[in-house]
Amino acid sequence: MQTDNSVALLNANYSNPIKTDANSQSDALLKEQTDKFEAFFLKQVLDIALNSDEENSLFEKDAGDKIYKSMYNDTMSSALSGNLGLSEMLFNFLKEGR
């Protein structure tokens, strides 16, 4: 008994599998970089927004208050990155340019 492979051959994708793997790897690296850019952007926004010299600020005034603020902003920007849409918009724009 013979199997008819003609339909499968007509629907086969003849693109180079190495190229698609390279594209998916390139897309993953690009997405990672756009997420990092969004985190950097958010950190800059948080640095400006939380830069207050009020008495009732989030962190008390002591020797390490700048370090605590920086660490807090780093953590918040990393947690929020990838969810605001800036990363996705930048990713799609850069992907079209390739």
C-alpha atoms as a PDB file:
ATOM      1  CA  MET A   1       0.000   0.000   0.000  1.00  0.00           C
ATOM      2  CA  GLN A   2       1.331   3.401  -0.991  1.00  0.00           C
ATOM      3  CA  THR A   3       0.687   6.617   0.875  1.00  0.00           C
ATOM      4  CA  ASP A   4      -0.188   9.702  -1.134  1.00  0.00           C
ATOM      5  CA  ASN A   5       2.161  12.476   0.054  1.00  0.00           C
ATOM      6  CA  SER A   6       1.252  15.000  -2.638  1.00  0.00           C
ATOM      7  CA  VAL A   7      -0.986  17.125  -0.384  1.00  0.00           C
ATOM      8  CA  ALA A   8       1.624  17.144   2.359  1.00  0.00           C
ATOM      9  CA  LEU A   9       4.299  18.160  -0.117  1.00  0.00           C
ATOM     10  CA  LEU A  10       2.155  20.981  -1.492  1.00  0.00           C
ATOM     11  CA  ASN A  11       1.591  22.374   2.010  1.00  0.00           C
ATOM     12  CA  ALA A  12       5.175  21.939   3.152  1.00  0.00           C
ATOM     13  CA  ASN A  13       7.119  24.993   4.134  1.00  0.00           C
ATOM     14  CA  TYR A  14      10.419  24.887   2.252  1.00  0.00           C
ATOM     15  CA  SER A  15      12.099  27.670   4.177  1.00  0.00           C
ATOM     16  CA  ASN A  16      15.497  27.013   5.640  1.00  0.00           C
ATOM     17  CA  PRO A  17      14.996  25.615   9.186  1.00  0.00           C
ATOM     18  CA  ILE A  18      18.287  27.154  10.321  1.00  0.00           C
ATOM     19  CA  LYS A  19      17.066  30.549   9.238  1.00  0.00           C
ATOM     20  CA  THR A  20      13.784  30.215  11.158  1.00  0.00           C
ATOM     21  CA  ASP A  21      15.690  29.109  14.249  1.00  0.00           C
ATOM     22  CA  ALA A  22      17.987  32.092  13.837  1.00  0.00           C
ATOM     23  CA  ASN A  23      14.973  34.386  13.423  1.00  0.00           C
ATOM     24  CA  SER A  24      13.285  33.037  16.540  1.00  0.00           C
ATOM     25  CA  GLN A  25      16.525  33.377  18.492  1.00  0.00           C
ATOM     26  CA  SER A  26      16.981  36.887  17.118  1.00  0.00           C
ATOM     27  CA  ASP A  27      13.387  37.740  18.072  1.00  0.00           C
ATOM     28  CA  ALA A  28      13.970  36.461  21.602  1.00  0.00           C
ATOM     29  CA  LEU A  29      17.125  38.563  21.950  1.00  0.00           C
ATOM     30  CA  LEU A  30      15.359  41.617  20.542  1.00  0.00           C
ATOM     31  CA  LYS A  31      12.436  41.153  22.945  1.00  0.00           C
ATOM     32  CA  GLU A  32      14.865  40.840  25.854  1.00  0.00           C
ATOM     33  CA  GLN A  33      16.592  44.073  24.857  1.00  0.00           C
ATOM     34  CA  THR A  34      13.331  45.976  24.413  1.00  0.00           C
ATOM     35  CA  ASP A  35      12.216  44.774  27.865  1.00  0.00           C
ATOM     36  CA  LYS A  36      15.514  46.030  29.292  1.00  0.00           C
ATOM     37  CA  PHE A  37      15.024  49.387  27.583  1.00  0.00           C
ATOM     38  CA  GLU A  38      11.533  49.639  29.047  1.00  0.00           C
ATOM     39  CA  ALA A  39      12.949  48.839  32.504  1.00  0.00           C
ATOM     40  CA  PHE A  40      15.582  51.564  32.046  1.00  0.00           C
ATOM     41  CA  PHE A  41      12.918  54.037  30.942  1.00  0.00           C
ATOM     42  CA  LEU A  42      10.735  53.168  33.934  1.00  0.00           C
ATOM     43  CA  LYS A  43      13.681  53.572  36.298  1.00  0.00           C
ATOM     44  CA  GLN A  44      14.279  57.071  34.967  1.00  0.00           C
ATOM     45  CA  VAL A  45      10.603  57.932  35.451  1.00  0.00           C
ATOM     46  CA  LEU A  46      10.588  56.488  38.971  1.00  0.00           C
ATOM     47  CA  ASP A  47      13.790  58.337  39.872  1.00  0.00           C
ATOM     48  CA  ILE A  48      12.135  61.615  38.933  1.00  0.00           C
ATOM     49  CA  ALA A  49       8.743  60.779  40.430  1.00  0.00           C
ATOM     50  CA  LEU A  50      10.061  59.571  43.774  1.00  0.00           C
ATOM     51  CA  ASN A  51      12.689  62.284  44.143  1.00  0.00           C
ATOM     52  CA  SER A  52      11.154  64.145  47.031  1.00  0.00           C
ATOM     53  CA  ASP A  53      12.753  65.919  49.936  1.00  0.00           C
ATOM     54  CA  GLU A  54       9.646  65.756  52.106  1.00  0.00           C
ATOM     55  CA  GLU A  55       9.754  64.685  55.719  1.00  0.00           C
ATOM     56  CA  ASN A  56       7.189  61.931  55.133  1.00  0.00           C
ATOM     57  CA  SER A  57       8.947  60.309  52.207  1.00  0.00           C
ATOM     58  CA  LEU A  58       9.066  56.580  51.564  1.00  0.00           C
ATOM     59  CA  PHE A  59      12.583  56.245  52.959  1.00  0.00           C
ATOM     60  CA  GLU A  60      13.943  57.967  56.007  1.00  0.00           C
ATOM     61  CA  LYS A  61      16.873  60.330  55.689  1.00  0.00           C
ATOM     62  CA  ASP A  62      19.984  58.441  56.697  1.00  0.00           C
ATOM     63  CA  ALA A  63      23.361  57.500  55.302  1.00  0.00           C
ATOM     64  CA  GLY A  64      21.991  54.963  52.827  1.00  0.00           C
ATOM     65  CA  ASP A  65      18.755  56.581  51.702  1.00  0.00           C
ATOM     66  CA  LYS A  66      20.001  57.129  48.146  1.00  0.00           C
ATOM     67  CA  ILE A  67      21.037  53.490  47.922  1.00  0.00           C
ATOM     68  CA  TYR A  68      17.640  52.315  49.184  1.00  0.00           C
ATOM     69  CA  LYS A  69      15.821  54.560  46.720  1.00  0.00           C
ATOM     70  CA  SER A  70      17.964  53.303  43.857  1.00  0.00           C
ATOM     71  CA  MET A  71      17.459  49.653  44.808  1.00  0.00           C
ATOM     72  CA  TYR A  72      13.706  50.181  45.169  1.00  0.00           C
ATOM     73  CA  ASN A  73      13.481  51.876  41.773  1.00  0.00           C
ATOM     74  CA  ASP A  74      15.553  49.101  40.144  1.00  0.00           C
ATOM     75  CA  THR A  75      13.268  46.428  41.556  1.00  0.00           C
ATOM     76  CA  MET A  76      10.080  48.252  40.621  1.00  0.00           C
ATOM     77  CA  SER A  77      11.266  48.985  37.085  1.00  0.00           C
ATOM     78  CA  SER A  78      12.253  45.341  36.546  1.00  0.00           C
ATOM     79  CA  ALA A  79       8.914  44.130  37.866  1.00  0.00           C
ATOM     80  CA  LEU A  80       6.915  46.531  35.697  1.00  0.00           C
ATOM     81  CA  SER A  81       8.907  46.168  32.482  1.00  0.00           C
ATOM     82  CA  GLY A  82       7.311  44.278  29.634  1.00  0.00           C
ATOM     83  CA  ASN A  83       3.781  45.064  30.801  1.00  0.00           C
ATOM     84  CA  LEU A  84       3.285  48.695  29.813  1.00  0.00           C
ATOM     85  CA  GLY A  85       3.314  48.232  26.050  1.00  0.00           C
ATOM     86  CA  LEU A  86       6.386  50.327  25.293  1.00  0.00           C
ATOM     87  CA  SER A  87       8.511  47.208  24.937  1.00  0.00           C
ATOM     88  CA  GLU A  88       6.008  45.526  22.619  1.00  0.00           C
ATOM     89  CA  MET A  89       5.616  48.634  20.473  1.00  0.00           C
ATOM     90  CA  LEU A  90       9.388  49.043  20.161  1.00  0.00           C
ATOM     91  CA  PHE A  91       9.820  45.318  19.436  1.00  0.00           C
ATOM     92  CA  ASN A  92       7.262  45.413  16.602  1.00  0.00           C
ATOM     93  CA  PHE A  93       8.795  48.570  15.137  1.00  0.00           C
ATOM     94  CA  LEU A  94      12.328  47.152  15.170  1.00  0.00           C
ATOM     95  CA  LYS A  95      11.185  43.767  13.844  1.00  0.00           C
ATOM     96  CA  GLU A  96       9.579  45.429  10.805  1.00  0.00           C
ATOM     97  CA  GLY A  97      12.826  47.269  10.078  1.00  0.00           C
ATOM     98  CA  ARG A  98      14.813  44.079   9.616  1.00  0.00           C
END
